[in-house]
Amino acid sequence: MSIPDFTDSEFQLVNQTLLERYGRLVPLQAAEVELLLKPGDTEPSSCPALYWDELGAGFIVAKVGDQRFRCQFFYSETEIFGTGHEFYDNLGDCVTNVLQIQADHHGTRSAGLTGKIGDKAPAQDEDYHGPVII
């Protein structure tokens, strides 16, 4: 199954959302990630993705089908977070939600790093090695 790349209008939508969020242009890179798309899949599928980093976090929005998207943000291989939604059928909602959840988490994480609020990252499967950007 071949998943089409992000369209120019999808790329522009993400760029515009990032501009609104950060108040400036953020470098947005086209990438490719490998994901297990369905329960029971044993081989990952290659999916087009958009990647950016801000505030010490990396972000990935992957296109997993026609009008189907997944997203996550991460600080390291052991600190990887999603939005609680397996898929989005609206790219704008996908990007907005991952930005909002990261912003909320950033405040909690920053406070935890200074000792004000403890927020430990959830344990990750030892076989999981984080996102693969090609």
C-alpha atoms as a PDB file:
ATOM      1  CA  MET A   1       0.000   0.000   0.000  1.00  0.00           C
ATOM      2  CA  SER A   2       1.509   3.297  -1.074  1.00  0.00           C
ATOM      3  CA  ILE A   3       0.510   6.375   0.920  1.00  0.00           C
ATOM      4  CA  PRO A   4       0.650   9.647  -1.023  1.00  0.00           C
ATOM      5  CA  ASP A   5       2.921  12.441   0.171  1.00  0.00           C
ATOM      6  CA  PHE A   6       1.533  15.501   1.904  1.00  0.00           C
ATOM      7  CA  THR A   7      -0.055  17.850  -0.597  1.00  0.00           C
ATOM      8  CA  ASP A   8       1.060  21.467  -0.930  1.00  0.00           C
ATOM      9  CA  SER A   9      -2.138  22.594   0.796  1.00  0.00           C
ATOM     10  CA  GLU A  10      -1.558  20.164   3.699  1.00  0.00           C
ATOM     11  CA  PHE A  11       2.033  21.398   4.043  1.00  0.00           C
ATOM     12  CA  GLN A  12       0.786  25.014   4.046  1.00  0.00           C
ATOM     13  CA  LEU A  13      -1.877  24.208   6.651  1.00  0.00           C
ATOM     14  CA  VAL A  14       0.769  22.844   9.020  1.00  0.00           C
ATOM     15  CA  ASN A  15       3.065  25.826   8.309  1.00  0.00           C
ATOM     16  CA  GLN A  16       0.226  28.269   9.034  1.00  0.00           C
ATOM     17  CA  THR A  17      -0.718  26.474  12.257  1.00  0.00           C
ATOM     18  CA  LEU A  18       2.903  26.595  13.451  1.00  0.00           C
ATOM     19  CA  LEU A  19       3.136  30.288  12.541  1.00  0.00           C
ATOM     20  CA  GLU A  20       0.025  30.984  14.606  1.00  0.00           C
ATOM     21  CA  ARG A  21       1.330  28.923  17.533  1.00  0.00           C
ATOM     22  CA  TYR A  22       4.894  30.273  17.660  1.00  0.00           C
ATOM     23  CA  GLY A  23       4.474  33.699  16.055  1.00  0.00           C
ATOM     24  CA  ARG A  24       7.192  32.989  13.517  1.00  0.00           C
ATOM     25  CA  LEU A  25       8.072  30.552  10.753  1.00  0.00           C
ATOM     26  CA  VAL A  26       9.294  27.211  12.057  1.00  0.00           C
ATOM     27  CA  PRO A  27      11.431  24.986   9.814  1.00  0.00           C
ATOM     28  CA  LEU A  28       9.179  22.152   8.677  1.00  0.00           C
ATOM     29  CA  GLN A  29      10.825  19.118   7.118  1.00  0.00           C
ATOM     30  CA  ALA A  30       9.373  16.366   4.973  1.00  0.00           C
ATOM     31  CA  ALA A  31      10.360  12.962   6.360  1.00  0.00           C
ATOM     32  CA  GLU A  32       9.439   9.321   6.182  1.00  0.00           C
ATOM     33  CA  VAL A  33       8.569   7.098   9.141  1.00  0.00           C
ATOM     34  CA  GLU A  34       7.793   3.425   9.519  1.00  0.00           C
ATOM     35  CA  LEU A  35       4.630   2.578  11.448  1.00  0.00           C
ATOM     36  CA  LEU A  36       2.486  -0.416  12.231  1.00  0.00           C
ATOM     37  CA  LEU A  37      -0.833   0.770  10.803  1.00  0.00           C
ATOM     38  CA  LYS A  38      -3.236  -1.938  11.968  1.00  0.00           C
ATOM     39  CA  PRO A  39      -3.426  -4.211  14.979  1.00  0.00           C
ATOM     40  CA  GLY A  40      -1.717  -7.449  14.096  1.00  0.00           C
ATOM     41  CA  ASP A  41       0.635  -5.899  11.539  1.00  0.00           C
ATOM     42  CA  THR A  42       4.061  -7.447  11.834  1.00  0.00           C
ATOM     43  CA  GLU A  43       5.803  -5.347   9.199  1.00  0.00           C
ATOM     44  CA  PRO A  44       5.847  -1.559   9.426  1.00  0.00           C
ATOM     45  CA  SER A  45       4.588   0.547   6.541  1.00  0.00           C
ATOM     46  CA  SER A  46       6.524   3.501   5.177  1.00  0.00           C
ATOM     47  CA  CYS A  47       4.540   6.713   5.688  1.00  0.00           C
ATOM     48  CA  PRO A  48       5.224  10.316   4.677  1.00  0.00           C
ATOM     49  CA  ALA A  49       5.630  12.624   7.641  1.00  0.00           C
ATOM     50  CA  LEU A  50       6.290  16.215   8.594  1.00  0.00           C
ATOM     51  CA  TYR A  51       8.822  16.949  11.320  1.00  0.00           C
ATOM     52  CA  TRP A  52       9.712  20.062  13.304  1.00  0.00           C
ATOM     53  CA  ASP A  53      11.281  20.793  16.659  1.00  0.00           C
ATOM     54  CA  GLU A  54      10.529  23.552  19.131  1.00  0.00           C
ATOM     55  CA  LEU A  55      10.946  24.128  22.863  1.00  0.00           C
ATOM     56  CA  GLY A  56      13.234  21.124  23.166  1.00  0.00           C
ATOM     57  CA  ALA A  57      10.666  18.749  21.683  1.00  0.00           C
ATOM     58  CA  GLY A  58      10.504  17.016  18.314  1.00  0.00           C
ATOM     59  CA  PHE A  59       7.148  16.651  16.568  1.00  0.00           C
ATOM     60  CA  ILE A  60       6.023  14.201  13.913  1.00  0.00           C
ATOM     61  CA  VAL A  61       2.776  14.200  11.986  1.00  0.00           C
ATOM     62  CA  ALA A  62       2.511  11.125   9.771  1.00  0.00           C
ATOM     63  CA  LYS A  63       0.082  10.608   6.927  1.00  0.00           C
ATOM     64  CA  VAL A  64      -1.210   7.053   7.276  1.00  0.00           C
ATOM     65  CA  GLY A  65      -3.870   7.108   4.569  1.00  0.00           C
ATOM     66  CA  ASP A  66      -6.220   9.376   2.659  1.00  0.00           C
ATOM     67  CA  GLN A  67      -7.210  12.027   5.234  1.00  0.00           C
ATOM     68  CA  ARG A  68      -5.779   9.929   8.078  1.00  0.00           C
ATOM     69  CA  PHE A  69      -3.005  11.239  10.296  1.00  0.00           C
ATOM     70  CA  ARG A  70      -1.057  10.259  13.423  1.00  0.00           C
ATOM     71  CA  CYS A  71       1.040  12.532  15.593  1.00  0.00           C
ATOM     72  CA  GLN A  72       3.423  12.485  18.508  1.00  0.00           C
ATOM     73  CA  PHE A  73       6.017  14.611  20.215  1.00  0.00           C
ATOM     74  CA  PHE A  74       9.138  13.507  22.010  1.00  0.00           C
ATOM     75  CA  TYR A  75      12.058  14.762  24.044  1.00  0.00           C
ATOM     76  CA  SER A  76      14.186  11.608  23.751  1.00  0.00           C
ATOM     77  CA  GLU A  77      13.832   7.907  22.938  1.00  0.00           C
ATOM     78  CA  THR A  78      12.368   7.360  26.394  1.00  0.00           C
ATOM     79  CA  GLU A  79      10.080  10.393  26.508  1.00  0.00           C
ATOM     80  CA  ILE A  80       7.573   9.928  23.681  1.00  0.00           C
ATOM     81  CA  PHE A  81       4.003  11.167  23.880  1.00  0.00           C
ATOM     82  CA  GLY A  82       0.866  11.007  21.768  1.00  0.00           C
ATOM     83  CA  THR A  83      -2.490  12.720  22.011  1.00  0.00           C
ATOM     84  CA  GLY A  84      -4.591   9.745  23.043  1.00  0.00           C
ATOM     85  CA  HIS A  85      -6.108   9.498  19.540  1.00  0.00           C
ATOM     86  CA  GLU A  86      -4.925   6.699  17.306  1.00  0.00           C
ATOM     87  CA  PHE A  87      -5.895   8.540  14.109  1.00  0.00           C
ATOM     88  CA  TYR A  88      -7.213  11.905  13.013  1.00  0.00           C
ATOM     89  CA  ASP A  89      -9.275  12.482   9.910  1.00  0.00           C
ATOM     90  CA  ASN A  90      -8.560  16.214  10.003  1.00  0.00           C
ATOM     91  CA  LEU A  91      -4.955  17.434   9.694  1.00  0.00           C
ATOM     92  CA  GLY A  92      -5.697  20.754  11.407  1.00  0.00           C
ATOM     93  CA  ASP A  93      -7.132  18.992  14.463  1.00  0.00           C
ATOM     94  CA  CYS A  94      -4.162  16.627  14.537  1.00  0.00           C
ATOM     95  CA  VAL A  95      -1.574  19.425  14.547  1.00  0.00           C
ATOM     96  CA  THR A  96      -3.527  21.666  16.930  1.00  0.00           C
ATOM     97  CA  ASN A  97      -4.012  18.851  19.442  1.00  0.00           C
ATOM     98  CA  VAL A  98      -0.384  17.720  19.458  1.00  0.00           C
ATOM     99  CA  LEU A  99       0.722  21.350  19.932  1.00  0.00           C
ATOM    100  CA  GLN A 100      -1.738  21.883  22.802  1.00  0.00           C
ATOM    101  CA  ILE A 101      -0.833  18.669  24.588  1.00  0.00           C
ATOM    102  CA  GLN A 102       2.880  19.402  24.240  1.00  0.00           C
ATOM    103  CA  ALA A 103       2.380  22.953  25.551  1.00  0.00           C
ATOM    104  CA  ASP A 104       0.519  21.585  28.576  1.00  0.00           C
ATOM    105  CA  HIS A 105       3.164  18.918  29.101  1.00  0.00           C
ATOM    106  CA  HIS A 106       6.006  21.415  28.657  1.00  0.00           C
ATOM    107  CA  GLY A 107       4.776  23.435  31.629  1.00  0.00           C
ATOM    108  CA  THR A 108       4.460  20.334  33.792  1.00  0.00           C
ATOM    109  CA  ARG A 109       7.808  18.965  32.623  1.00  0.00           C
ATOM    110  CA  SER A 110       9.584  22.287  33.199  1.00  0.00           C
ATOM    111  CA  ALA A 111       8.194  22.494  36.705  1.00  0.00           C
ATOM    112  CA  GLY A 112       9.271  18.880  37.338  1.00  0.00           C
ATOM    113  CA  LEU A 113      12.796  19.615  36.179  1.00  0.00           C
ATOM    114  CA  THR A 114      13.028  22.433  38.702  1.00  0.00           C
ATOM    115  CA  GLY A 115      11.614  20.217  41.458  1.00  0.00           C
ATOM    116  CA  LYS A 116       8.254  21.964  41.822  1.00  0.00           C
ATOM    117  CA  ILE A 117       6.024  19.255  40.382  1.00  0.00           C
ATOM    118  CA  GLY A 118       7.096  15.663  39.850  1.00  0.00           C
ATOM    119  CA  ASP A 119       6.127  14.291  36.427  1.00  0.00           C
ATOM    120  CA  LYS A 120       7.868  11.115  35.410  1.00  0.00           C
ATOM    121  CA  ALA A 121       7.763   9.898  31.831  1.00  0.00           C
ATOM    122  CA  PRO A 122       5.875   6.654  31.320  1.00  0.00           C
ATOM    123  CA  ALA A 123       8.021   3.552  30.948  1.00  0.00           C
ATOM    124  CA  GLN A 124       8.636   2.509  27.358  1.00  0.00           C
ATOM    125  CA  ASP A 125       8.875  -1.007  25.963  1.00  0.00           C
ATOM    126  CA  GLU A 126      12.543  -2.025  25.825  1.00  0.00           C
ATOM    127  CA  ASP A 127      12.132  -3.004  22.174  1.00  0.00           C
ATOM    128  CA  TYR A 128      10.842   0.448  21.221  1.00  0.00           C
ATOM    129  CA  HIS A 129      13.525   2.745  19.804  1.00  0.00           C
ATOM    130  CA  GLY A 130      11.556   5.899  19.076  1.00  0.00           C
ATOM    131  CA  PRO A 131      10.626   7.420  15.748  1.00  0.00           C
ATOM    132  CA  VAL A 132      12.701   6.661  12.692  1.00  0.00           C
ATOM    133  CA  ILE A 133      13.265   9.653  10.430  1.00  0.00           C
ATOM    134  CA  ILE A 134      14.635   8.850   7.019  1.00  0.00           C
END
